[in-house]
C-alpha cells in the first residue's frame, strides 16, 4: 500500500528528482500524471490556488505539500 499520492507531469524535473529520492529511500507512493487525469489536475489546482504546480503530494489524512523535499515527506510520514 502506498503512503501517499504524488501528482506530477512527465516533463517536471522536480517531480523526477523527488520520485528518485523516494524510490531510493524505499518510500512507496502512487504517482498520477495530471496531464492524463483531468480530475487530478483540478485537485492540484484547488490545493495550489488555481495553479497546476507539481509535484503536489497528498497524504491519507488529506494534508498536502507542494514541491516538498524528501526530508519533509519523511518527517510527515513519521508523524
N, C-alpha and C. Protein backbone atom coordinates (compact mmCIF):
# COMPACT_ATOMS: atom_id res chain seq x y z
N UNK A 1 0.85 -1.19 0.00
CA UNK A 1 0.00 0.00 0.00
C UNK A 1 0.88 1.24 0.00
N UNK A 2 0.53 2.22 -0.80
CA UNK A 2 1.34 3.43 -0.88
C UNK A 2 1.02 4.36 0.29
N UNK A 3 2.03 5.11 0.68
CA UNK A 3 1.89 6.00 1.83
C UNK A 3 1.19 7.31 1.47
N UNK A 4 1.24 7.68 0.18
CA UNK A 4 0.65 8.93 -0.26
C UNK A 4 0.56 8.94 -1.78
N UNK A 5 -0.03 10.01 -2.31
CA UNK A 5 -0.14 10.18 -3.76
C UNK A 5 0.67 11.39 -4.19
N UNK A 6 1.46 11.21 -5.23
CA UNK A 6 2.23 12.32 -5.80
C UNK A 6 1.65 12.65 -7.17
N UNK A 7 1.23 13.88 -7.34
CA UNK A 7 0.72 14.36 -8.63
C UNK A 7 1.88 14.99 -9.37
N UNK A 8 2.03 14.63 -10.64
CA UNK A 8 3.21 15.06 -11.39
C UNK A 8 2.89 15.20 -12.88
N UNK A 9 3.93 15.56 -13.63
CA UNK A 9 3.89 15.53 -15.09
C UNK A 9 5.18 14.87 -15.57
N UNK A 10 5.19 14.31 -16.77
CA UNK A 10 6.39 13.62 -17.27
C UNK A 10 7.59 14.56 -17.47
N UNK A 11 7.33 15.83 -17.71
CA UNK A 11 8.41 16.77 -18.04
C UNK A 11 8.92 17.55 -16.83
N UNK A 12 8.37 17.31 -15.65
CA UNK A 12 8.72 18.08 -14.45
C UNK A 12 10.00 17.55 -13.81
N UNK A 13 11.06 18.35 -13.85
CA UNK A 13 12.34 17.97 -13.25
C UNK A 13 12.25 17.76 -11.75
N UNK A 14 11.49 18.62 -11.07
CA UNK A 14 11.32 18.48 -9.61
C UNK A 14 10.62 17.16 -9.28
N UNK A 15 9.67 16.77 -10.13
CA UNK A 15 8.95 15.50 -9.94
C UNK A 15 9.92 14.33 -10.08
N UNK A 16 10.75 14.36 -11.12
CA UNK A 16 11.72 13.28 -11.34
C UNK A 16 12.69 13.17 -10.17
N UNK A 17 13.14 14.31 -9.66
CA UNK A 17 14.08 14.31 -8.55
C UNK A 17 13.44 13.69 -7.31
N UNK A 18 12.24 14.16 -6.95
CA UNK A 18 11.58 13.64 -5.75
C UNK A 18 11.25 12.16 -5.91
N UNK A 19 10.79 11.78 -7.09
CA UNK A 19 10.45 10.38 -7.34
C UNK A 19 11.67 9.49 -7.14
N UNK A 20 12.81 9.90 -7.66
CA UNK A 20 14.04 9.14 -7.50
C UNK A 20 14.47 9.04 -6.04
N UNK A 21 14.37 10.15 -5.32
CA UNK A 21 14.75 10.16 -3.91
C UNK A 21 13.84 9.24 -3.10
N UNK A 22 12.56 9.28 -3.37
CA UNK A 22 11.60 8.43 -2.66
C UNK A 22 11.88 6.95 -2.93
N UNK A 23 12.15 6.62 -4.18
CA UNK A 23 12.43 5.22 -4.52
C UNK A 23 13.69 4.74 -3.84
N UNK A 24 14.74 5.57 -3.83
CA UNK A 24 16.00 5.19 -3.17
C UNK A 24 15.80 5.03 -1.66
N UNK A 25 14.88 5.80 -1.09
CA UNK A 25 14.61 5.72 0.34
C UNK A 25 13.64 4.58 0.67
N UNK A 26 13.11 3.93 -0.35
CA UNK A 26 12.19 2.82 -0.13
C UNK A 26 10.80 3.26 0.30
N UNK A 27 10.43 4.49 -0.01
CA UNK A 27 9.12 5.01 0.37
C UNK A 27 8.15 4.78 -0.79
N UNK A 28 7.08 4.05 -0.52
CA UNK A 28 6.11 3.74 -1.55
C UNK A 28 5.13 4.89 -1.74
N UNK A 29 4.74 5.11 -2.98
CA UNK A 29 3.78 6.17 -3.30
C UNK A 29 3.07 5.82 -4.59
N UNK A 30 1.95 6.47 -4.80
CA UNK A 30 1.21 6.35 -6.05
C UNK A 30 1.44 7.62 -6.83
N UNK A 31 1.78 7.50 -8.10
CA UNK A 31 2.02 8.68 -8.94
C UNK A 31 0.88 8.84 -9.93
N UNK A 32 0.38 10.07 -10.05
CA UNK A 32 -0.68 10.37 -11.00
C UNK A 32 -0.23 11.53 -11.89
N UNK A 33 -0.28 11.31 -13.19
CA UNK A 33 0.08 12.32 -14.19
C UNK A 33 -1.13 13.23 -14.41
N UNK A 34 -1.01 14.49 -14.01
CA UNK A 34 -2.16 15.40 -14.11
C UNK A 34 -2.50 15.76 -15.55
N UNK A 35 -1.59 15.49 -16.49
CA UNK A 35 -1.91 15.74 -17.89
C UNK A 35 -2.78 14.63 -18.46
N UNK A 36 -2.78 13.47 -17.81
CA UNK A 36 -3.57 12.33 -18.28
C UNK A 36 -4.88 12.16 -17.51
N UNK A 37 -4.97 12.77 -16.33
CA UNK A 37 -6.15 12.60 -15.46
C UNK A 37 -6.71 13.99 -15.13
N UNK A 38 -7.71 14.45 -15.88
CA UNK A 38 -8.25 15.80 -15.68
C UNK A 38 -8.72 16.08 -14.25
N UNK A 39 -9.33 15.11 -13.59
CA UNK A 39 -9.77 15.32 -12.21
C UNK A 39 -8.59 15.58 -11.29
N UNK A 40 -7.46 14.95 -11.57
CA UNK A 40 -6.26 15.15 -10.77
C UNK A 40 -5.73 16.58 -10.96
N UNK A 41 -5.77 17.07 -12.18
CA UNK A 41 -5.33 18.44 -12.45
C UNK A 41 -6.21 19.43 -11.69
N UNK A 42 -7.49 19.17 -11.64
CA UNK A 42 -8.42 20.03 -10.90
C UNK A 42 -8.10 20.02 -9.41
N UNK A 43 -7.81 18.85 -8.87
CA UNK A 43 -7.45 18.74 -7.46
C UNK A 43 -6.18 19.53 -7.16
N UNK A 44 -5.17 19.39 -8.01
CA UNK A 44 -3.91 20.12 -7.82
C UNK A 44 -4.15 21.62 -7.87
N UNK A 45 -5.01 22.07 -8.78
CA UNK A 45 -5.34 23.49 -8.86
C UNK A 45 -6.00 23.98 -7.57
N UNK A 46 -6.90 23.18 -7.01
CA UNK A 46 -7.56 23.57 -5.75
C UNK A 46 -6.55 23.72 -4.63
N UNK A 47 -5.62 22.79 -4.55
CA UNK A 47 -4.61 22.81 -3.49
C UNK A 47 -3.67 24.01 -3.65
N UNK A 48 -3.37 24.38 -4.90
CA UNK A 48 -2.34 25.38 -5.20
C UNK A 48 -2.91 26.69 -5.74
N UNK A 49 -4.03 27.11 -5.20
CA UNK A 49 -4.62 28.42 -5.55
C UNK A 49 -4.77 28.64 -7.05
N UNK A 50 -5.25 27.60 -7.75
CA UNK A 50 -5.52 27.73 -9.18
C UNK A 50 -4.37 27.35 -10.08
N UNK A 51 -3.22 26.99 -9.50
CA UNK A 51 -2.05 26.64 -10.30
C UNK A 51 -1.85 25.13 -10.36
N UNK A 52 -1.39 24.65 -11.50
CA UNK A 52 -1.08 23.23 -11.65
C UNK A 52 0.38 23.00 -11.27
N UNK A 53 0.71 23.27 -10.02
CA UNK A 53 2.09 23.15 -9.54
C UNK A 53 2.36 21.71 -9.11
N UNK A 54 3.42 21.14 -9.68
CA UNK A 54 3.82 19.77 -9.34
C UNK A 54 5.30 19.76 -9.00
N UNK A 55 5.76 18.82 -8.19
CA UNK A 55 4.96 17.78 -7.58
C UNK A 55 4.10 18.30 -6.43
N UNK A 56 2.88 17.82 -6.38
CA UNK A 56 2.00 18.05 -5.24
C UNK A 56 1.77 16.68 -4.61
N UNK A 57 2.03 16.60 -3.32
CA UNK A 57 1.92 15.35 -2.58
C UNK A 57 0.72 15.46 -1.65
N UNK A 58 -0.17 14.46 -1.71
CA UNK A 58 -1.35 14.43 -0.85
C UNK A 58 -1.28 13.18 0.01
N UNK A 59 -1.39 13.39 1.31
CA UNK A 59 -1.30 12.31 2.29
C UNK A 59 -2.68 11.77 2.63
N UNK A 60 -2.75 10.56 3.18
CA UNK A 60 -4.05 9.95 3.51
C UNK A 60 -4.92 10.80 4.44
N UNK A 61 -4.29 11.64 5.27
CA UNK A 61 -5.08 12.47 6.18
C UNK A 61 -5.65 13.72 5.51
N UNK A 62 -5.39 13.86 4.18
CA UNK A 62 -5.93 14.98 3.43
C UNK A 62 -5.01 16.18 3.34
N UNK A 63 -3.92 16.18 4.09
CA UNK A 63 -2.97 17.29 4.01
C UNK A 63 -2.14 17.17 2.73
N UNK A 64 -1.59 18.29 2.30
CA UNK A 64 -0.82 18.30 1.06
C UNK A 64 0.44 19.14 1.20
N UNK A 65 1.42 18.84 0.37
CA UNK A 65 2.65 19.62 0.27
C UNK A 65 2.94 19.83 -1.20
N UNK A 66 3.43 21.03 -1.52
CA UNK A 66 3.80 21.34 -2.89
C UNK A 66 5.31 21.42 -2.99
N UNK A 67 5.87 20.65 -3.91
CA UNK A 67 7.31 20.57 -4.14
C UNK A 67 8.08 20.34 -2.84
N UNK A 68 7.70 19.32 -2.07
CA UNK A 68 8.39 19.07 -0.81
C UNK A 68 9.75 18.41 -1.03
N UNK A 69 10.60 18.52 -0.03
CA UNK A 69 11.87 17.79 -0.04
C UNK A 69 11.61 16.38 0.47
N UNK A 70 12.57 15.50 0.25
CA UNK A 70 12.47 14.15 0.79
C UNK A 70 12.36 14.21 2.30
N UNK A 71 13.11 15.09 2.94
CA UNK A 71 13.08 15.22 4.41
C UNK A 71 11.69 15.63 4.89
N UNK A 72 11.04 16.54 4.18
CA UNK A 72 9.69 16.97 4.58
C UNK A 72 8.70 15.81 4.49
N UNK A 73 8.80 15.04 3.40
CA UNK A 73 7.90 13.89 3.22
C UNK A 73 8.16 12.85 4.31
N UNK A 74 9.42 12.54 4.56
CA UNK A 74 9.77 11.55 5.57
C UNK A 74 9.30 11.99 6.95
N UNK A 75 9.46 13.27 7.26
CA UNK A 75 9.03 13.79 8.55
C UNK A 75 7.51 13.66 8.71
N UNK A 76 6.77 13.98 7.66
CA UNK A 76 5.32 13.86 7.70
C UNK A 76 4.90 12.41 7.89
N UNK A 77 5.54 11.49 7.20
CA UNK A 77 5.18 10.09 7.31
C UNK A 77 5.52 9.52 8.69
N UNK A 78 6.55 10.05 9.32
CA UNK A 78 6.95 9.58 10.64
C UNK A 78 6.04 10.10 11.74
N UNK A 79 5.34 11.19 11.46
CA UNK A 79 4.49 11.82 12.49
C UNK A 79 3.25 10.99 12.78
